[in-house]
N, C-alpha and C. Protein backbone atom coordinates (compact mmCIF):
# COMPACT_ATOMS: atom_id res chain seq x y z
N MET A 1 0.83 -1.17 0.00
CA MET A 1 0.00 0.00 0.00
C MET A 1 0.88 1.25 0.00
N ALA A 2 0.67 2.10 -0.95
CA ALA A 2 1.47 3.31 -1.08
C ALA A 2 0.97 4.38 -0.12
N THR A 3 1.92 5.07 0.43
CA THR A 3 1.56 6.16 1.33
C THR A 3 1.62 7.48 0.59
N LYS A 4 1.06 8.50 1.20
CA LYS A 4 1.06 9.83 0.58
C LYS A 4 2.49 10.32 0.39
N LYS A 5 3.36 10.05 1.36
CA LYS A 5 4.75 10.49 1.28
C LYS A 5 5.46 9.83 0.09
N THR A 6 5.21 8.55 -0.11
CA THR A 6 5.80 7.82 -1.23
C THR A 6 5.28 8.36 -2.55
N ASP A 7 3.98 8.63 -2.61
CA ASP A 7 3.40 9.18 -3.84
C ASP A 7 3.98 10.54 -4.16
N ASP A 8 4.18 11.37 -3.14
CA ASP A 8 4.76 12.70 -3.35
C ASP A 8 6.19 12.59 -3.87
N LYS A 9 6.95 11.66 -3.32
CA LYS A 9 8.33 11.45 -3.78
C LYS A 9 8.35 11.03 -5.24
N GLU A 10 7.43 10.15 -5.61
CA GLU A 10 7.35 9.69 -7.00
C GLU A 10 7.01 10.85 -7.94
N LYS A 11 6.08 11.70 -7.53
CA LYS A 11 5.71 12.85 -8.36
C LYS A 11 6.89 13.79 -8.54
N VAL A 12 7.63 14.03 -7.47
CA VAL A 12 8.81 14.90 -7.55
C VAL A 12 9.86 14.27 -8.45
N ARG A 13 10.07 12.97 -8.31
CA ARG A 13 11.05 12.26 -9.13
C ARG A 13 10.67 12.33 -10.61
N GLU A 14 9.41 12.12 -10.92
CA GLU A 14 8.94 12.19 -12.31
C GLU A 14 9.08 13.60 -12.87
N ALA A 15 8.76 14.61 -12.07
CA ALA A 15 8.89 15.99 -12.52
C ALA A 15 10.35 16.33 -12.82
N ARG A 16 11.25 15.89 -11.96
CA ARG A 16 12.69 16.12 -12.19
C ARG A 16 13.17 15.39 -13.43
N LYS A 17 12.67 14.19 -13.63
CA LYS A 17 13.07 13.41 -14.81
C LYS A 17 12.62 14.11 -16.09
N LYS A 18 11.38 14.59 -16.12
CA LYS A 18 10.89 15.31 -17.30
C LYS A 18 11.69 16.56 -17.56
N THR A 19 12.02 17.30 -16.50
CA THR A 19 12.81 18.51 -16.64
C THR A 19 14.20 18.18 -17.17
N ARG A 20 14.82 17.13 -16.62
CA ARG A 20 16.16 16.75 -17.06
C ARG A 20 16.15 16.33 -18.53
N LEU A 21 15.16 15.54 -18.92
CA LEU A 21 15.08 15.10 -20.31
C LEU A 21 14.85 16.27 -21.26
N ALA A 22 14.03 17.23 -20.85
CA ALA A 22 13.80 18.42 -21.67
C ALA A 22 15.08 19.24 -21.79
N ASP A 23 15.82 19.37 -20.70
CA ASP A 23 17.08 20.11 -20.73
C ASP A 23 18.10 19.42 -21.64
N GLU A 24 18.17 18.08 -21.57
CA GLU A 24 19.09 17.33 -22.41
C GLU A 24 18.72 17.46 -23.88
N ALA A 25 17.44 17.42 -24.19
CA ALA A 25 16.98 17.57 -25.58
C ALA A 25 17.32 18.96 -26.11
N LYS A 26 17.14 19.96 -25.28
CA LYS A 26 17.45 21.33 -25.69
C LYS A 26 18.96 21.48 -25.94
N ALA A 27 19.78 20.94 -25.05
CA ALA A 27 21.23 21.02 -25.20
C ALA A 27 21.68 20.29 -26.47
N PHE A 28 21.08 19.14 -26.76
CA PHE A 28 21.44 18.40 -27.97
C PHE A 28 21.03 19.16 -29.22
N ALA A 29 19.86 19.79 -29.20
CA ALA A 29 19.41 20.59 -30.34
C ALA A 29 20.36 21.76 -30.58
N GLU A 30 20.84 22.38 -29.50
CA GLU A 30 21.80 23.47 -29.64
C GLU A 30 23.12 22.96 -30.21
N LEU A 31 23.56 21.78 -29.79
CA LEU A 31 24.79 21.19 -30.32
C LEU A 31 24.64 20.88 -31.80
N VAL A 32 23.50 20.35 -32.21
CA VAL A 32 23.26 20.05 -33.62
C VAL A 32 23.30 21.34 -34.44
N ALA A 33 22.67 22.39 -33.95
CA ALA A 33 22.67 23.67 -34.66
C ALA A 33 24.09 24.21 -34.79
N LYS A 34 24.88 24.08 -33.74
CA LYS A 34 26.27 24.56 -33.76
C LYS A 34 27.09 23.76 -34.77
N VAL A 35 26.91 22.45 -34.77
CA VAL A 35 27.66 21.59 -35.69
C VAL A 35 27.29 21.92 -37.13
N LYS A 36 26.00 22.11 -37.40
CA LYS A 36 25.56 22.45 -38.76
C LYS A 36 26.14 23.78 -39.21
N LYS A 37 26.23 24.73 -38.29
CA LYS A 37 26.72 26.06 -38.63
C LYS A 37 28.23 26.06 -38.84
N ASP A 38 28.96 25.33 -38.02
CA ASP A 38 30.41 25.40 -38.01
C ASP A 38 31.11 24.48 -38.99
N HIS A 39 30.43 23.46 -39.51
CA HIS A 39 31.10 22.47 -40.34
C HIS A 39 30.38 22.30 -41.68
N SER A 40 31.18 22.00 -42.70
CA SER A 40 30.61 21.75 -44.03
C SER A 40 30.09 20.32 -44.09
N LYS A 41 29.36 20.02 -45.16
CA LYS A 41 28.85 18.66 -45.35
C LYS A 41 29.99 17.66 -45.41
N GLU A 42 31.07 18.05 -46.08
CA GLU A 42 32.21 17.15 -46.22
C GLU A 42 32.83 16.84 -44.85
N GLU A 43 32.96 17.86 -44.00
CA GLU A 43 33.52 17.64 -42.67
C GLU A 43 32.61 16.74 -41.84
N LEU A 44 31.31 16.94 -41.96
CA LEU A 44 30.36 16.10 -41.22
C LEU A 44 30.41 14.66 -41.72
N LEU A 45 30.50 14.49 -43.03
CA LEU A 45 30.61 13.13 -43.58
C LEU A 45 31.88 12.44 -43.10
N ALA A 46 32.99 13.20 -43.05
CA ALA A 46 34.24 12.63 -42.55
C ALA A 46 34.11 12.24 -41.08
N ARG A 47 33.39 13.04 -40.32
CA ARG A 47 33.23 12.77 -38.89
C ARG A 47 32.41 11.51 -38.65
N VAL A 48 31.37 11.27 -39.44
CA VAL A 48 30.53 10.09 -39.21
C VAL A 48 31.05 8.85 -39.92
N SER A 49 32.10 8.98 -40.71
CA SER A 49 32.61 7.83 -41.44
C SER A 49 33.51 6.94 -40.59
N LYS A 50 33.94 7.43 -39.43
CA LYS A 50 34.78 6.60 -38.57
C LYS A 50 34.12 6.44 -37.20
N GLN A 51 34.43 5.34 -36.56
CA GLN A 51 33.83 5.07 -35.25
C GLN A 51 34.41 6.04 -34.22
N PRO A 52 33.55 6.70 -33.45
CA PRO A 52 34.05 7.69 -32.49
C PRO A 52 34.58 7.05 -31.21
N ASP A 53 35.48 7.79 -30.54
CA ASP A 53 35.88 7.40 -29.20
C ASP A 53 34.76 7.79 -28.24
N ASN A 54 34.82 7.31 -27.03
CA ASN A 54 33.75 7.58 -26.07
C ASN A 54 33.54 9.07 -25.84
N TYR A 55 34.62 9.85 -25.76
CA TYR A 55 34.47 11.28 -25.49
C TYR A 55 33.96 12.05 -26.71
N GLU A 56 33.93 11.44 -27.89
CA GLU A 56 33.45 12.10 -29.10
C GLU A 56 32.01 11.74 -29.45
N ILE A 57 31.36 10.95 -28.64
CA ILE A 57 30.05 10.39 -29.03
C ILE A 57 28.99 11.48 -29.21
N ALA A 58 28.99 12.51 -28.39
CA ALA A 58 27.97 13.57 -28.50
C ALA A 58 28.11 14.31 -29.84
N GLU A 59 29.33 14.66 -30.20
CA GLU A 59 29.54 15.35 -31.47
C GLU A 59 29.25 14.43 -32.66
N PHE A 60 29.57 13.16 -32.52
CA PHE A 60 29.28 12.19 -33.57
C PHE A 60 27.77 12.10 -33.81
N MET A 61 27.01 11.96 -32.73
CA MET A 61 25.56 11.88 -32.86
C MET A 61 24.97 13.19 -33.39
N ALA A 62 25.55 14.32 -32.98
CA ALA A 62 25.08 15.61 -33.49
C ALA A 62 25.37 15.72 -34.98
N ALA A 63 26.52 15.23 -35.42
CA ALA A 63 26.84 15.26 -36.85
C ALA A 63 25.87 14.39 -37.64
N ARG A 64 25.55 13.21 -37.12
CA ARG A 64 24.57 12.35 -37.80
C ARG A 64 23.21 13.01 -37.88
N LYS A 65 22.79 13.63 -36.79
CA LYS A 65 21.49 14.31 -36.77
C LYS A 65 21.49 15.48 -37.76
N ALA A 66 22.60 16.23 -37.83
CA ALA A 66 22.71 17.35 -38.76
C ALA A 66 22.62 16.86 -40.20
N LEU A 67 23.30 15.77 -40.51
CA LEU A 67 23.24 15.22 -41.86
C LEU A 67 21.83 14.73 -42.18
N ASP A 68 21.17 14.12 -41.21
CA ASP A 68 19.78 13.69 -41.41
C ASP A 68 18.88 14.89 -41.71
N GLU A 69 19.07 15.97 -40.96
CA GLU A 69 18.25 17.17 -41.17
C GLU A 69 18.53 17.81 -42.53
N MET A 70 19.78 17.71 -42.99
CA MET A 70 20.13 18.28 -44.30
C MET A 70 19.81 17.30 -45.43
N LYS A 71 19.32 16.11 -45.07
CA LYS A 71 18.97 15.07 -46.03
C LYS A 71 20.16 14.65 -46.91
N VAL A 72 21.32 14.52 -46.26
CA VAL A 72 22.54 14.08 -46.93
C VAL A 72 22.70 12.59 -46.67
N PRO A 73 22.77 11.76 -47.71
CA PRO A 73 22.94 10.32 -47.49
C PRO A 73 24.36 10.01 -47.00
N TYR A 74 24.47 9.06 -46.11
CA TYR A 74 25.76 8.63 -45.60
C TYR A 74 25.64 7.19 -45.14
N SER A 75 26.77 6.52 -45.06
CA SER A 75 26.79 5.13 -44.61
C SER A 75 26.63 5.09 -43.10
N LYS A 76 25.72 4.26 -42.61
CA LYS A 76 25.47 4.19 -41.18
C LYS A 76 26.25 3.08 -40.50
N SER A 77 27.18 2.49 -41.21
CA SER A 77 28.03 1.47 -40.61
C SER A 77 29.48 1.86 -40.84
N PHE A 78 30.36 1.26 -40.07
CA PHE A 78 31.77 1.63 -40.15
C PHE A 78 32.50 0.69 -41.06
């Protein structure tokens, strides 16, 4: 049986999760916009053509998203 205190904690946890996910989506959209602005199609294609290191994964995914938005075909395997 759930108590009021437990229900309140769950509501707070869910609200924080939604806020965090919204913040992460906004930050990723900003990164995609920056990547599209700062790099040419050729540079983006070069970036997604090789497997990224762990610290490069965010920029790699942003480059893929930018190419998708620009409707540029690229190989999705390494």
